[in-house]
Amino acid sequence: MKANVQDNDSRFDWLKWAVVAVITVAAIWGNLAFSGQPQLYRWIALFLAAAAGVAVALLTSQGAAFLVMAKAARSEIRKVVWPTRQETTQTTLIVVVVVVVMALILWGLDTFLGWLASMLIG
């Protein structure tokens, strides 16, 4: 039954996307047409137009699927075990030390090969 309702609802998705496109074009045109107005008012109008466009887009079947995915991602993020401050500091220091050591090794190798090449070339 739910699939039938979703198929019926998704028939009008093209119309919803057209409304989103009209809102976007109207926001761009309005921003250009009212370029003499204070920038704060244009930013507020653009924010409201973007909110309206997102609201309409979320009413489509793709928007509903995006909301489901966003909620699932949020619940997965809550399951992550984040490292402590000490672990983060230690790992960062290890990375910095390894990068410095590798830089010194590569610098030495480059210097040696440059010296060797200059000896061979003359």
N, C-alpha and C. Protein backbone atom coordinates (compact mmCIF):
# COMPACT_ATOMS: atom_id res chain seq x y z
N MET A 1 0.82 -1.19 0.00
CA MET A 1 0.00 0.00 0.00
C MET A 1 0.86 1.25 0.00
N LYS A 2 1.96 1.22 0.76
CA LYS A 2 2.83 2.39 0.83
C LYS A 2 3.49 2.65 -0.51
N ALA A 3 3.87 1.60 -1.23
CA ALA A 3 4.49 1.78 -2.55
C ALA A 3 3.51 2.45 -3.51
N ASN A 4 2.24 2.09 -3.43
CA ASN A 4 1.23 2.71 -4.28
C ASN A 4 1.08 4.19 -3.97
N VAL A 5 1.08 4.52 -2.70
CA VAL A 5 0.95 5.93 -2.30
C VAL A 5 2.19 6.69 -2.75
N GLN A 6 3.38 6.08 -2.62
CA GLN A 6 4.60 6.76 -3.02
C GLN A 6 4.64 6.95 -4.53
N ASP A 7 4.16 5.94 -5.31
CA ASP A 7 4.11 6.09 -6.76
C ASP A 7 3.17 7.22 -7.15
N ASN A 8 2.03 7.31 -6.46
CA ASN A 8 1.07 8.36 -6.74
C ASN A 8 1.66 9.72 -6.38
N ASP A 9 2.38 9.76 -5.27
CA ASP A 9 2.97 11.01 -4.82
C ASP A 9 4.13 11.43 -5.71
N SER A 10 4.90 10.46 -6.21
CA SER A 10 6.07 10.79 -7.01
C SER A 10 5.69 11.21 -8.43
N ARG A 11 4.44 11.03 -8.82
CA ARG A 11 4.02 11.50 -10.15
C ARG A 11 4.10 13.01 -10.24
N PHE A 12 3.92 13.68 -9.12
CA PHE A 12 3.93 15.14 -9.13
C PHE A 12 5.27 15.71 -8.70
N ASP A 13 6.29 14.86 -8.61
CA ASP A 13 7.61 15.36 -8.23
C ASP A 13 8.15 16.34 -9.26
N TRP A 14 7.88 16.10 -10.53
CA TRP A 14 8.36 17.01 -11.56
C TRP A 14 7.80 18.42 -11.34
N LEU A 15 6.55 18.48 -10.88
CA LEU A 15 5.94 19.78 -10.62
C LEU A 15 6.61 20.46 -9.41
N LYS A 16 6.91 19.68 -8.40
CA LYS A 16 7.59 20.23 -7.22
C LYS A 16 8.99 20.72 -7.59
N TRP A 17 9.70 19.95 -8.41
CA TRP A 17 11.03 20.39 -8.84
C TRP A 17 10.94 21.64 -9.71
N ALA A 18 9.88 21.73 -10.49
CA ALA A 18 9.68 22.95 -11.29
C ALA A 18 9.45 24.15 -10.39
N VAL A 19 8.71 23.96 -9.30
CA VAL A 19 8.49 25.05 -8.33
C VAL A 19 9.82 25.45 -7.70
N VAL A 20 10.66 24.47 -7.38
CA VAL A 20 11.99 24.77 -6.82
C VAL A 20 12.80 25.57 -7.82
N ALA A 21 12.75 25.19 -9.10
CA ALA A 21 13.48 25.92 -10.13
C ALA A 21 12.96 27.34 -10.27
N VAL A 22 11.65 27.52 -10.21
CA VAL A 22 11.06 28.86 -10.31
C VAL A 22 11.49 29.71 -9.11
N ILE A 23 11.48 29.13 -7.93
CA ILE A 23 11.91 29.87 -6.74
C ILE A 23 13.38 30.28 -6.88
N THR A 24 14.21 29.38 -7.39
CA THR A 24 15.63 29.68 -7.56
C THR A 24 15.83 30.80 -8.57
N VAL A 25 15.16 30.70 -9.72
CA VAL A 25 15.28 31.73 -10.75
C VAL A 25 14.75 33.06 -10.23
N ALA A 26 13.65 33.04 -9.52
CA ALA A 26 13.09 34.27 -8.96
C ALA A 26 14.04 34.90 -7.95
N ALA A 27 14.71 34.07 -7.15
CA ALA A 27 15.65 34.60 -6.16
C ALA A 27 16.84 35.25 -6.86
N ILE A 28 17.34 34.61 -7.91
CA ILE A 28 18.47 35.19 -8.65
C ILE A 28 18.05 36.48 -9.33
N TRP A 29 16.90 36.45 -9.98
CA TRP A 29 16.42 37.66 -10.66
C TRP A 29 16.18 38.78 -9.65
N GLY A 30 15.57 38.45 -8.53
CA GLY A 30 15.29 39.46 -7.51
C GLY A 30 16.57 40.06 -6.95
N ASN A 31 17.58 39.23 -6.77
CA ASN A 31 18.86 39.73 -6.26
C ASN A 31 19.50 40.70 -7.26
N LEU A 32 19.38 40.39 -8.54
CA LEU A 32 19.93 41.28 -9.56
C LEU A 32 19.07 42.53 -9.74
N ALA A 33 17.76 42.36 -9.72
CA ALA A 33 16.87 43.49 -9.96
C ALA A 33 16.91 44.50 -8.83
N PHE A 34 17.11 44.03 -7.62
CA PHE A 34 17.13 44.92 -6.47
C PHE A 34 18.56 45.13 -5.96
N SER A 35 19.50 45.20 -6.87
CA SER A 35 20.90 45.36 -6.47
C SER A 35 21.16 46.71 -5.80
N GLY A 36 20.26 47.68 -5.98
CA GLY A 36 20.42 48.97 -5.34
C GLY A 36 19.97 48.98 -3.89
N GLN A 37 19.27 47.95 -3.47
CA GLN A 37 18.78 47.86 -2.09
C GLN A 37 19.92 47.44 -1.16
N PRO A 38 19.77 47.68 0.12
CA PRO A 38 20.82 47.25 1.07
C PRO A 38 21.05 45.74 0.99
N GLN A 39 22.31 45.38 1.14
CA GLN A 39 22.68 43.97 1.00
C GLN A 39 22.03 43.09 2.06
N LEU A 40 21.79 43.61 3.24
CA LEU A 40 21.16 42.83 4.30
C LEU A 40 19.78 42.36 3.86
N TYR A 41 19.00 43.24 3.25
CA TYR A 41 17.65 42.87 2.81
C TYR A 41 17.72 41.81 1.71
N ARG A 42 18.69 41.94 0.82
CA ARG A 42 18.82 40.94 -0.25
C ARG A 42 19.23 39.59 0.33
N TRP A 43 20.11 39.59 1.34
CA TRP A 43 20.51 38.34 1.97
C TRP A 43 19.33 37.68 2.68
N ILE A 44 18.52 38.47 3.34
CA ILE A 44 17.34 37.94 4.02
C ILE A 44 16.39 37.33 3.00
N ALA A 45 16.17 38.04 1.89
CA ALA A 45 15.27 37.53 0.85
C ALA A 45 15.83 36.25 0.24
N LEU A 46 17.13 36.20 0.00
CA LEU A 46 17.73 34.98 -0.55
C LEU A 46 17.63 33.82 0.44
N PHE A 47 17.81 34.10 1.71
CA PHE A 47 17.68 33.06 2.73
C PHE A 47 16.26 32.50 2.76
N LEU A 48 15.27 33.40 2.71
CA LEU A 48 13.87 32.95 2.72
C LEU A 48 13.54 32.16 1.46
N ALA A 49 14.06 32.60 0.31
CA ALA A 49 13.81 31.87 -0.93
C ALA A 49 14.47 30.50 -0.88
N ALA A 50 15.68 30.43 -0.33
CA ALA A 50 16.36 29.14 -0.21
C ALA A 50 15.60 28.22 0.73
N ALA A 51 15.10 28.77 1.83
CA ALA A 51 14.32 27.95 2.77
C ALA A 51 13.05 27.42 2.11
N ALA A 52 12.40 28.27 1.33
CA ALA A 52 11.19 27.82 0.62
C ALA A 52 11.53 26.75 -0.40
N GLY A 53 12.63 26.93 -1.13
CA GLY A 53 13.04 25.93 -2.12
C GLY A 53 13.38 24.60 -1.47
N VAL A 54 14.10 24.64 -0.36
CA VAL A 54 14.44 23.40 0.35
C VAL A 54 13.19 22.73 0.90
N ALA A 55 12.25 23.53 1.41
CA ALA A 55 11.01 22.96 1.94
C ALA A 55 10.23 22.24 0.86
N VAL A 56 10.15 22.84 -0.31
CA VAL A 56 9.44 22.19 -1.41
C VAL A 56 10.21 20.96 -1.88
N ALA A 57 11.54 21.06 -1.96
CA ALA A 57 12.34 19.92 -2.41
C ALA A 57 12.21 18.74 -1.45
N LEU A 58 12.06 19.00 -0.15
CA LEU A 58 11.93 17.91 0.82
C LEU A 58 10.58 17.21 0.71
N LEU A 59 9.63 17.82 0.02
CA LEU A 59 8.33 17.18 -0.17
C LEU A 59 8.34 16.16 -1.30
N THR A 60 9.42 16.12 -2.08
CA THR A 60 9.52 15.13 -3.16
C THR A 60 9.95 13.79 -2.59
N SER A 61 9.87 12.75 -3.41
CA SER A 61 10.28 11.43 -2.94
C SER A 61 11.79 11.39 -2.70
N GLN A 62 12.56 12.11 -3.53
CA GLN A 62 14.00 12.18 -3.30
C GLN A 62 14.31 12.93 -2.00
N GLY A 63 13.54 13.98 -1.72
CA GLY A 63 13.73 14.73 -0.48
C GLY A 63 13.41 13.88 0.74
N ALA A 64 12.36 13.08 0.65
CA ALA A 64 12.00 12.20 1.77
C ALA A 64 13.09 11.15 1.98
N ALA A 65 13.65 10.63 0.89
CA ALA A 65 14.74 9.65 1.00
C ALA A 65 15.97 10.32 1.61
N PHE A 66 16.22 11.57 1.26
CA PHE A 66 17.35 12.30 1.84
C PHE A 66 17.17 12.48 3.34
N LEU A 67 15.95 12.80 3.77
CA LEU A 67 15.70 12.96 5.21
C LEU A 67 15.92 11.66 5.96
N VAL A 68 15.48 10.55 5.37
CA VAL A 68 15.68 9.24 6.01
C VAL A 68 17.18 8.96 6.13
N MET A 69 17.94 9.24 5.04
CA MET A 69 19.38 9.02 5.06
C MET A 69 20.06 9.93 6.08
N ALA A 70 19.64 11.19 6.17
CA ALA A 70 20.25 12.13 7.12
C ALA A 70 19.99 11.70 8.56
N LYS A 71 18.79 11.21 8.84
CA LYS A 71 18.49 10.73 10.19
C LYS A 71 19.31 9.49 10.52
N ALA A 72 19.48 8.58 9.54
CA ALA A 72 20.29 7.38 9.77
C ALA A 72 21.75 7.76 9.97
N ALA A 73 22.24 8.73 9.22
CA ALA A 73 23.63 9.18 9.38
C ALA A 73 23.84 9.80 10.75
N ARG A 74 22.87 10.56 11.21
CA ARG A 74 22.99 11.19 12.52
C ARG A 74 23.03 10.13 13.63
N SER A 75 22.21 9.10 13.49
CA SER A 75 22.24 8.05 14.51
C SER A 75 23.55 7.28 14.45
N GLU A 76 24.14 7.12 13.27
CA GLU A 76 25.44 6.44 13.16
C GLU A 76 26.56 7.29 13.75
N ILE A 77 26.48 8.60 13.56
CA ILE A 77 27.50 9.49 14.12
C ILE A 77 27.49 9.41 15.64
N ARG A 78 26.31 9.24 16.23
CA ARG A 78 26.22 9.13 17.69
C ARG A 78 26.86 7.85 18.21
N LYS A 79 27.01 6.85 17.34
CA LYS A 79 27.61 5.59 17.75
C LYS A 79 29.14 5.62 17.69
N VAL A 80 29.70 6.65 17.06
CA VAL A 80 31.15 6.72 16.90
C VAL A 80 31.81 6.98 18.25
N VAL A 81 32.90 6.27 18.50
CA VAL A 81 33.68 6.49 19.71
C VAL A 81 34.80 7.45 19.33
N TRP A 82 34.69 8.69 19.79
CA TRP A 82 35.67 9.71 19.44
C TRP A 82 36.88 9.58 20.36
N PRO A 83 38.08 9.87 19.81
CA PRO A 83 39.29 9.76 20.65
C PRO A 83 39.32 10.84 21.72
N THR A 84 40.01 10.52 22.79
CA THR A 84 40.16 11.51 23.86
C THR A 84 41.16 12.57 23.42
N ARG A 85 41.26 13.63 24.21
CA ARG A 85 42.20 14.70 23.90
C ARG A 85 43.63 14.18 23.92
N GLN A 86 43.95 13.31 24.88
CA GLN A 86 45.30 12.75 24.98
C GLN A 86 45.62 11.90 23.76
N GLU A 87 44.69 11.05 23.34
CA GLU A 87 44.92 10.22 22.16
C GLU A 87 45.12 11.07 20.91
N THR A 88 44.33 12.12 20.78
CA THR A 88 44.45 13.00 19.63
C THR A 88 45.80 13.70 19.62
N THR A 89 46.23 14.19 20.77
CA THR A 89 47.52 14.87 20.87
C THR A 89 48.67 13.92 20.55
N GLN A 90 48.63 12.72 21.10
CA GLN A 90 49.70 11.75 20.86
C GLN A 90 49.76 11.35 19.38
N THR A 91 48.61 11.10 18.79
CA THR A 91 48.58 10.72 17.38
C THR A 91 49.08 11.85 16.49
N THR A 92 48.72 13.07 16.82
CA THR A 92 49.18 14.22 16.04
C THR A 92 50.69 14.36 16.15
N LEU A 93 51.22 14.21 17.35
CA LEU A 93 52.67 14.30 17.53
C LEU A 93 53.40 13.20 16.76
N ILE A 94 52.86 12.00 16.76
CA ILE A 94 53.47 10.90 16.01
C ILE A 94 53.50 11.23 14.52
N VAL A 95 52.41 11.75 14.01
CA VAL A 95 52.35 12.12 12.59
C VAL A 95 53.36 13.21 12.27
N VAL A 96 53.46 14.22 13.12
CA VAL A 96 54.41 15.31 12.90
C VAL A 96 55.84 14.79 12.91
N VAL A 97 56.19 13.92 13.86
CA VAL A 97 57.53 13.36 13.94
C VAL A 97 57.84 12.54 12.69
N VAL A 98 56.92 11.70 12.26
CA VAL A 98 57.14 10.88 11.07
C VAL A 98 57.33 11.76 9.84
N VAL A 99 56.54 12.82 9.71
CA VAL A 99 56.68 13.72 8.57
C VAL A 99 58.04 14.41 8.58
N VAL A 100 58.49 14.87 9.75
CA VAL A 100 59.79 15.53 9.85
C VAL A 100 60.91 14.55 9.51
N VAL A 101 60.84 13.34 10.04
CA VAL A 101 61.87 12.33 9.76
C VAL A 101 61.91 12.00 8.27
N MET A 102 60.75 11.82 7.66
CA MET A 102 60.71 11.52 6.23
C MET A 102 61.23 12.70 5.41
N ALA A 103 60.93 13.92 5.83
CA ALA A 103 61.45 15.10 5.13
C ALA A 103 62.96 15.15 5.20
N LEU A 104 63.52 14.84 6.36
CA LEU A 104 64.98 14.83 6.50
C LEU A 104 65.61 13.73 5.64
N ILE A 105 64.99 12.56 5.62
CA ILE A 105 65.50 11.46 4.80
C ILE A 105 65.47 11.85 3.32
N LEU A 106 64.37 12.40 2.87
CA LEU A 106 64.26 12.80 1.46
C LEU A 106 65.22 13.94 1.13
N TRP A 107 65.41 14.87 2.06
CA TRP A 107 66.35 15.97 1.84
C TRP A 107 67.77 15.42 1.71
N GLY A 108 68.11 14.49 2.60
CA GLY A 108 69.44 13.88 2.53
C GLY A 108 69.64 13.10 1.25
N LEU A 109 68.65 12.33 0.85
CA LEU A 109 68.74 11.56 -0.39
C LEU A 109 68.86 12.48 -1.59
N ASP A 110 68.09 13.56 -1.62
CA ASP A 110 68.16 14.52 -2.71
C ASP A 110 69.53 15.18 -2.76
N THR A 111 70.05 15.56 -1.61
CA THR A 111 71.37 16.19 -1.56
C THR A 111 72.45 15.21 -2.04
N PHE A 112 72.38 13.98 -1.59
CA PHE A 112 73.36 12.97 -2.01
C PHE A 112 73.28 12.71 -3.51
N LEU A 113 72.08 12.53 -4.04
CA LEU A 113 71.94 12.25 -5.46
C LEU A 113 72.36 13.47 -6.29
N GLY A 114 72.08 14.69 -5.80
CA GLY A 114 72.54 15.89 -6.48
C GLY A 114 74.06 15.97 -6.52
N TRP A 115 74.70 15.62 -5.39
CA TRP A 115 76.17 15.62 -5.32
C TRP A 115 76.74 14.55 -6.26
N LEU A 116 76.11 13.34 -6.25
CA LEU A 116 76.55 12.27 -7.12
C LEU A 116 76.43 12.64 -8.59
N ALA A 117 75.31 13.27 -8.95
CA ALA A 117 75.10 13.68 -10.34
C ALA A 117 76.11 14.74 -10.75
N SER A 118 76.40 15.67 -9.85
CA SER A 118 77.38 16.71 -10.19
C SER A 118 78.79 16.12 -10.34
N MET A 119 79.11 15.07 -9.59
CA MET A 119 80.41 14.40 -9.73
C MET A 119 80.51 13.66 -11.05
N LEU A 120 79.39 13.01 -11.46
CA LEU A 120 79.40 12.26 -12.70
C LEU A 120 79.43 13.18 -13.91
N ILE A 121 78.71 14.29 -13.84
CA ILE A 121 78.62 15.20 -14.99
C ILE A 121 79.90 16.05 -15.08
N GLY A 122 80.44 16.36 -14.00
CA GLY A 122 81.71 17.06 -14.02
C GLY A 122 81.58 18.44 -13.55
